[in-house]
Amino acid sequence: MRRLYLAPVLALAACGPGVYTRAEVVYAEPASYVYVVPPERVVVVTREVLVSRGYVVYRVQRAGPNRIIWARRGDDEIVRVFVNPEGERVVVRGLTEARDRGRHKGWVRKGRAEDVVADVDVRLRAEKR
């Protein structure tokens, strides 16, 4: 019996040139950090961190209980931070994308925005003390 493993194929299709990485792909990844705070507090702290790092927050998208914070620095770099509640906990994931000025002229995933999410973590943990 032949089995098809579609996860890598779907991940590549979701990251195609010219479009942003789909949120479902990011939600499938392991969580960066988990907190027991209200989701709106995480959104406020994330906005403060992004602004202090030189980003302009231009959109906070609501997708059911989830929040996606969109920020950009210049025209070539976008950061998205995904905040989704799971029961009494809040899971935070980040994603950095950059404009591909080459052949495809779209957006390319650069990483997981660890520096931004780590700074959010430091601030949220400092509030608990």
N, C-alpha and C. Protein backbone atom coordinates (compact mmCIF):
# COMPACT_ATOMS: atom_id res chain seq x y z
N MET A 1 0.83 -1.17 0.00
CA MET A 1 0.00 0.00 0.00
C MET A 1 0.89 1.25 0.00
N ARG A 2 0.62 2.14 -0.86
CA ARG A 2 1.42 3.35 -1.00
C ARG A 2 0.76 4.48 -0.21
N ARG A 3 1.58 5.16 0.61
CA ARG A 3 1.07 6.27 1.40
C ARG A 3 1.64 7.58 0.88
N LEU A 4 0.82 8.56 0.84
CA LEU A 4 1.28 9.88 0.45
C LEU A 4 1.41 10.75 1.69
N TYR A 5 2.53 11.37 1.81
CA TYR A 5 2.73 12.28 2.93
C TYR A 5 2.55 13.69 2.41
N LEU A 6 1.41 14.27 2.73
CA LEU A 6 1.05 15.56 2.17
C LEU A 6 1.54 16.76 2.98
N ALA A 7 1.97 16.55 4.20
CA ALA A 7 2.38 17.68 5.04
C ALA A 7 3.48 18.52 4.37
N PRO A 8 4.57 17.91 3.87
CA PRO A 8 5.59 18.75 3.23
C PRO A 8 5.08 19.44 1.96
N VAL A 9 4.23 18.76 1.23
CA VAL A 9 3.69 19.34 0.01
C VAL A 9 2.79 20.52 0.35
N LEU A 10 1.93 20.36 1.36
CA LEU A 10 1.05 21.45 1.76
C LEU A 10 1.84 22.62 2.32
N ALA A 11 2.89 22.34 3.06
CA ALA A 11 3.72 23.41 3.61
C ALA A 11 4.38 24.21 2.50
N LEU A 12 4.88 23.52 1.48
CA LEU A 12 5.51 24.22 0.36
C LEU A 12 4.48 25.01 -0.43
N ALA A 13 3.30 24.46 -0.61
CA ALA A 13 2.26 25.18 -1.34
C ALA A 13 1.81 26.41 -0.58
N ALA A 14 1.79 26.33 0.74
CA ALA A 14 1.37 27.46 1.56
C ALA A 14 2.40 28.58 1.57
N CYS A 15 3.63 28.28 1.24
CA CYS A 15 4.71 29.27 1.26
C CYS A 15 5.11 29.69 -0.14
N GLY A 16 4.23 29.56 -1.09
CA GLY A 16 4.56 29.87 -2.47
C GLY A 16 4.92 31.33 -2.66
N PRO A 17 5.58 31.64 -3.76
CA PRO A 17 6.01 33.01 -4.00
C PRO A 17 4.82 33.93 -4.23
N GLY A 18 4.97 35.17 -3.78
CA GLY A 18 3.94 36.17 -4.02
C GLY A 18 2.88 36.24 -2.96
N VAL A 19 2.84 35.29 -2.04
CA VAL A 19 1.83 35.30 -0.99
C VAL A 19 2.51 35.15 0.36
N TYR A 20 1.77 35.51 1.39
CA TYR A 20 2.28 35.32 2.74
C TYR A 20 2.10 33.87 3.14
N THR A 21 2.87 33.43 4.13
CA THR A 21 2.74 32.09 4.66
C THR A 21 1.38 31.98 5.35
N ARG A 22 0.66 30.91 5.08
CA ARG A 22 -0.68 30.73 5.64
C ARG A 22 -0.61 30.54 7.15
N ALA A 23 -1.61 31.05 7.83
CA ALA A 23 -1.66 30.95 9.29
C ALA A 23 -1.73 29.51 9.75
N GLU A 24 -2.39 28.64 8.98
CA GLU A 24 -2.52 27.24 9.36
C GLU A 24 -1.16 26.56 9.46
N VAL A 25 -0.23 26.98 8.62
CA VAL A 25 1.12 26.42 8.66
C VAL A 25 1.82 26.83 9.95
N VAL A 26 1.63 28.07 10.35
CA VAL A 26 2.25 28.56 11.58
C VAL A 26 1.62 27.89 12.79
N TYR A 27 0.30 27.72 12.81
CA TYR A 27 -0.38 27.08 13.93
C TYR A 27 0.02 25.62 14.07
N ALA A 28 0.45 24.99 13.02
CA ALA A 28 0.87 23.59 13.07
C ALA A 28 2.24 23.42 13.72
N GLU A 29 3.01 24.50 13.79
CA GLU A 29 4.34 24.43 14.40
C GLU A 29 4.21 24.42 15.92
N PRO A 30 5.24 23.95 16.62
CA PRO A 30 5.20 23.98 18.09
C PRO A 30 5.16 25.42 18.60
N ALA A 31 4.53 25.59 19.74
CA ALA A 31 4.38 26.92 20.32
C ALA A 31 5.72 27.45 20.82
N SER A 32 5.93 28.74 20.64
CA SER A 32 7.14 29.37 21.15
C SER A 32 7.03 29.57 22.66
N TYR A 33 5.94 30.15 23.10
CA TYR A 33 5.75 30.44 24.52
C TYR A 33 4.28 30.26 24.88
N VAL A 34 4.04 29.89 26.14
CA VAL A 34 2.68 29.71 26.65
C VAL A 34 2.56 30.50 27.95
N TYR A 35 1.48 31.27 28.09
CA TYR A 35 1.27 32.13 29.25
C TYR A 35 -0.12 31.91 29.82
N VAL A 36 -0.27 32.30 31.10
CA VAL A 36 -1.58 32.31 31.73
C VAL A 36 -1.92 33.77 32.00
N VAL A 37 -2.22 34.50 30.94
CA VAL A 37 -2.62 35.90 31.00
C VAL A 37 -3.73 36.10 29.96
N PRO A 38 -4.48 37.18 30.07
CA PRO A 38 -5.50 37.45 29.04
C PRO A 38 -4.86 37.71 27.67
N PRO A 39 -5.49 37.24 26.60
CA PRO A 39 -4.93 37.46 25.25
C PRO A 39 -4.75 38.94 24.92
N GLU A 40 -5.65 39.79 25.40
CA GLU A 40 -5.53 41.21 25.09
C GLU A 40 -4.27 41.82 25.71
N ARG A 41 -3.85 41.31 26.85
CA ARG A 41 -2.61 41.79 27.47
C ARG A 41 -1.41 41.42 26.63
N VAL A 42 -1.42 40.23 26.06
CA VAL A 42 -0.33 39.80 25.18
C VAL A 42 -0.29 40.69 23.94
N VAL A 43 -1.45 41.06 23.41
CA VAL A 43 -1.50 41.94 22.24
C VAL A 43 -0.90 43.30 22.57
N VAL A 44 -1.25 43.86 23.72
CA VAL A 44 -0.73 45.18 24.12
C VAL A 44 0.78 45.13 24.28
N VAL A 45 1.29 44.13 24.97
CA VAL A 45 2.73 44.01 25.19
C VAL A 45 3.45 43.78 23.86
N THR A 46 2.89 42.97 22.98
CA THR A 46 3.50 42.72 21.67
C THR A 46 3.58 44.00 20.86
N ARG A 47 2.52 44.80 20.88
CA ARG A 47 2.55 46.08 20.16
C ARG A 47 3.65 46.97 20.69
N GLU A 48 3.78 47.05 22.03
CA GLU A 48 4.82 47.88 22.63
C GLU A 48 6.22 47.41 22.21
N VAL A 49 6.43 46.10 22.21
CA VAL A 49 7.73 45.54 21.82
C VAL A 49 8.03 45.86 20.37
N LEU A 50 7.07 45.65 19.50
CA LEU A 50 7.29 45.91 18.08
C LEU A 50 7.62 47.38 17.81
N VAL A 51 6.89 48.28 18.45
CA VAL A 51 7.15 49.71 18.25
C VAL A 51 8.53 50.08 18.79
N SER A 52 8.91 49.51 19.93
CA SER A 52 10.24 49.82 20.48
C SER A 52 11.36 49.28 19.60
N ARG A 53 11.08 48.28 18.79
CA ARG A 53 12.10 47.71 17.89
C ARG A 53 12.07 48.37 16.51
N GLY A 54 11.26 49.40 16.33
CA GLY A 54 11.26 50.14 15.08
C GLY A 54 10.23 49.68 14.06
N TYR A 55 9.31 48.82 14.45
CA TYR A 55 8.26 48.37 13.55
C TYR A 55 7.06 49.29 13.65
N VAL A 56 6.24 49.30 12.62
CA VAL A 56 4.97 50.01 12.63
C VAL A 56 3.88 48.94 12.61
N VAL A 57 3.09 48.91 13.66
CA VAL A 57 1.98 47.95 13.73
C VAL A 57 0.84 48.53 12.91
N TYR A 58 0.47 47.84 11.85
CA TYR A 58 -0.55 48.38 10.97
C TYR A 58 -1.84 47.56 10.95
N ARG A 59 -1.86 46.45 11.67
CA ARG A 59 -3.09 45.65 11.66
C ARG A 59 -3.07 44.68 12.83
N VAL A 60 -4.21 44.58 13.51
CA VAL A 60 -4.42 43.52 14.49
C VAL A 60 -5.67 42.79 14.02
N GLN A 61 -5.46 41.62 13.49
CA GLN A 61 -6.53 40.85 12.85
C GLN A 61 -7.15 39.89 13.87
N ARG A 62 -8.47 39.86 13.90
CA ARG A 62 -9.19 38.91 14.74
C ARG A 62 -9.67 37.77 13.86
N ALA A 63 -9.32 36.57 14.25
CA ALA A 63 -9.78 35.37 13.55
C ALA A 63 -10.39 34.45 14.61
N GLY A 64 -11.66 34.67 14.93
CA GLY A 64 -12.28 33.95 16.03
C GLY A 64 -11.64 34.42 17.33
N PRO A 65 -11.20 33.50 18.18
CA PRO A 65 -10.54 33.92 19.42
C PRO A 65 -9.08 34.31 19.21
N ASN A 66 -8.53 34.03 18.05
CA ASN A 66 -7.11 34.29 17.77
C ASN A 66 -6.89 35.74 17.37
N ARG A 67 -5.66 36.21 17.60
CA ARG A 67 -5.24 37.54 17.16
C ARG A 67 -3.96 37.39 16.37
N ILE A 68 -3.87 38.13 15.27
CA ILE A 68 -2.64 38.15 14.47
C ILE A 68 -2.21 39.62 14.38
N ILE A 69 -1.03 39.91 14.91
CA ILE A 69 -0.51 41.27 14.91
C ILE A 69 0.45 41.40 13.73
N TRP A 70 0.14 42.32 12.80
CA TRP A 70 0.96 42.56 11.62
C TRP A 70 1.78 43.83 11.85
N ALA A 71 3.08 43.76 11.61
CA ALA A 71 3.95 44.93 11.74
C ALA A 71 4.98 44.91 10.62
N ARG A 72 5.40 46.10 10.23
CA ARG A 72 6.40 46.17 9.16
C ARG A 72 7.47 47.17 9.52
N ARG A 73 8.65 46.92 8.98
CA ARG A 73 9.78 47.83 9.12
C ARG A 73 10.25 48.09 7.70
N GLY A 74 10.02 49.31 7.23
CA GLY A 74 10.33 49.63 5.84
C GLY A 74 9.34 48.94 4.92
N ASP A 75 9.75 48.75 3.69
CA ASP A 75 8.89 48.08 2.72
C ASP A 75 9.25 46.62 2.52
N ASP A 76 10.34 46.17 3.13
CA ASP A 76 10.85 44.84 2.81
C ASP A 76 10.78 43.82 3.94
N GLU A 77 10.26 44.18 5.10
CA GLU A 77 10.24 43.22 6.21
C GLU A 77 8.91 43.29 6.94
N ILE A 78 8.29 42.14 7.13
CA ILE A 78 7.02 42.03 7.85
C ILE A 78 7.18 41.00 8.95
N VAL A 79 6.62 41.32 10.11
CA VAL A 79 6.57 40.38 11.23
C VAL A 79 5.12 40.16 11.57
N ARG A 80 4.76 38.90 11.77
CA ARG A 80 3.43 38.56 12.26
C ARG A 80 3.58 37.78 13.55
N VAL A 81 2.83 38.19 14.57
CA VAL A 81 2.82 37.48 15.84
C VAL A 81 1.42 36.91 16.01
N PHE A 82 1.35 35.61 16.25
CA PHE A 82 0.09 34.89 16.38
C PHE A 82 -0.18 34.64 17.86
N VAL A 83 -1.31 35.12 18.36
CA VAL A 83 -1.71 34.95 19.75
C VAL A 83 -3.01 34.17 19.73
N ASN A 84 -2.98 32.95 20.26
CA ASN A 84 -4.22 32.19 20.28
C ASN A 84 -4.44 31.54 21.65
N PRO A 85 -5.64 31.79 22.22
CA PRO A 85 -5.96 31.22 23.52
C PRO A 85 -6.29 29.73 23.41
N GLU A 86 -5.82 28.98 24.38
CA GLU A 86 -6.14 27.56 24.48
C GLU A 86 -6.56 27.30 25.92
N GLY A 87 -7.85 27.38 26.17
CA GLY A 87 -8.34 27.26 27.53
C GLY A 87 -7.97 28.51 28.31
N GLU A 88 -7.29 28.36 29.44
CA GLU A 88 -6.86 29.51 30.24
C GLU A 88 -5.47 29.98 29.85
N ARG A 89 -4.85 29.31 28.91
CA ARG A 89 -3.50 29.68 28.48
C ARG A 89 -3.54 30.40 27.15
N VAL A 90 -2.46 31.14 26.89
CA VAL A 90 -2.31 31.85 25.63
C VAL A 90 -1.01 31.38 24.99
N VAL A 91 -1.09 30.97 23.74
CA VAL A 91 0.07 30.49 23.00
C VAL A 91 0.52 31.59 22.04
N VAL A 92 1.85 31.83 22.00
CA VAL A 92 2.40 32.89 21.15
C VAL A 92 3.39 32.27 20.17
N ARG A 93 3.22 32.61 18.89
CA ARG A 93 4.14 32.19 17.83
C ARG A 93 4.45 33.41 16.98
N GLY A 94 5.64 33.45 16.40
CA GLY A 94 6.03 34.56 15.56
C GLY A 94 6.56 34.11 14.21
N LEU A 95 6.53 35.03 13.25
CA LEU A 95 6.97 34.72 11.89
C LEU A 95 7.51 35.99 11.26
N THR A 96 8.67 35.89 10.60
CA THR A 96 9.26 37.02 9.87
C THR A 96 9.28 36.68 8.40
N GLU A 97 8.86 37.64 7.57
CA GLU A 97 8.89 37.46 6.12
C GLU A 97 9.55 38.68 5.49
N ALA A 98 10.22 38.44 4.38
CA ALA A 98 10.91 39.52 3.68
C ALA A 98 10.50 39.51 2.21
N ARG A 99 10.54 40.67 1.62
CA ARG A 99 10.19 40.79 0.21
C ARG A 99 11.31 40.20 -0.63
N ASP A 100 10.93 39.36 -1.58
CA ASP A 100 11.87 38.75 -2.51
C ASP A 100 11.90 39.63 -3.76
N ARG A 101 12.97 40.37 -3.93
CA ARG A 101 13.08 41.28 -5.08
C ARG A 101 13.67 40.58 -6.30
N GLY A 102 13.86 39.29 -6.18
CA GLY A 102 14.45 38.55 -7.28
C GLY A 102 13.43 38.16 -8.33
N ARG A 103 13.50 36.94 -8.74
CA ARG A 103 12.69 36.45 -9.85
C ARG A 103 11.21 36.35 -9.52
N HIS A 104 10.89 35.95 -8.28
CA HIS A 104 9.49 35.70 -7.94
C HIS A 104 8.74 36.96 -7.54
N LYS A 105 9.42 37.93 -6.99
CA LYS A 105 8.83 39.20 -6.57
C LYS A 105 7.63 38.99 -5.66
N GLY A 106 7.83 38.22 -4.62
CA GLY A 106 6.79 37.98 -3.63
C GLY A 106 7.38 38.09 -2.24
N TRP A 107 6.85 37.30 -1.32
CA TRP A 107 7.32 37.29 0.06
C TRP A 107 7.92 35.94 0.38
N VAL A 108 9.04 35.97 1.12
CA VAL A 108 9.75 34.75 1.48
C VAL A 108 9.85 34.68 3.00
N ARG A 109 9.58 33.52 3.53
CA ARG A 109 9.66 33.33 4.98
C ARG A 109 11.12 33.35 5.41
N LYS A 110 11.43 34.18 6.41
CA LYS A 110 12.81 34.30 6.90
C LYS A 110 13.05 33.54 8.19
N GLY A 111 12.05 33.44 9.03
CA GLY A 111 12.27 32.78 10.31
C GLY A 111 11.07 32.88 11.22
N ARG A 112 11.33 32.63 12.50
CA ARG A 112 10.25 32.56 13.47
C ARG A 112 10.13 33.80 14.34
N ALA A 113 10.81 34.87 14.07
CA ALA A 113 10.74 36.12 14.84
C ALA A 113 11.05 35.89 16.31
N GLU A 114 12.08 35.09 16.55
CA GLU A 114 12.44 34.74 17.93
C GLU A 114 12.81 35.95 18.77
N ASP A 115 13.48 36.94 18.18
CA ASP A 115 13.90 38.10 18.96
C ASP A 115 12.69 38.89 19.47
N VAL A 116 11.67 39.06 18.65
CA VAL A 116 10.47 39.78 19.07
C VAL A 116 9.72 39.00 20.13
N VAL A 117 9.50 37.71 19.89
CA VAL A 117 8.73 36.89 20.83
C VAL A 117 9.49 36.72 22.15
N ALA A 118 10.81 36.64 22.10
CA ALA A 118 11.60 36.55 23.33
C ALA A 118 11.48 37.82 24.15
N ASP A 119 11.45 38.98 23.49
CA ASP A 119 11.29 40.24 24.20
C ASP A 119 9.90 40.34 24.83
N VAL A 120 8.88 39.85 24.13
CA VAL A 120 7.53 39.79 24.70
C VAL A 120 7.54 38.89 25.93
N ASP A 121 8.24 37.78 25.84
CA ASP A 121 8.34 36.85 26.97
C ASP A 121 8.97 37.52 28.19
N VAL A 122 10.04 38.25 27.98
CA VAL A 122 10.72 38.93 29.08
C VAL A 122 9.77 39.92 29.77
N ARG A 123 9.04 40.68 28.98
CA ARG A 123 8.14 41.68 29.56
C ARG A 123 6.96 41.04 30.29
N LEU A 124 6.39 39.97 29.73
CA LEU A 124 5.27 39.32 30.40
C LEU A 124 5.71 38.64 31.70
N ARG A 125 6.88 38.04 31.70
CA ARG A 125 7.38 37.40 32.92
C ARG A 125 7.73 38.44 33.98
N ALA A 126 8.20 39.62 33.58
CA ALA A 126 8.53 40.66 34.54
C ALA A 126 7.26 41.21 35.21
N GLU A 127 6.14 41.19 34.49
CA GLU A 127 4.87 41.66 35.05
C GLU A 127 4.35 40.72 36.13
N LYS A 128 4.65 39.45 36.01
CA LYS A 128 4.13 38.45 36.96
C LYS A 128 4.78 38.59 38.33
N ARG A 129 5.97 39.13 38.39
CA ARG A 129 6.71 39.20 39.65
C ARG A 129 6.27 40.36 40.49
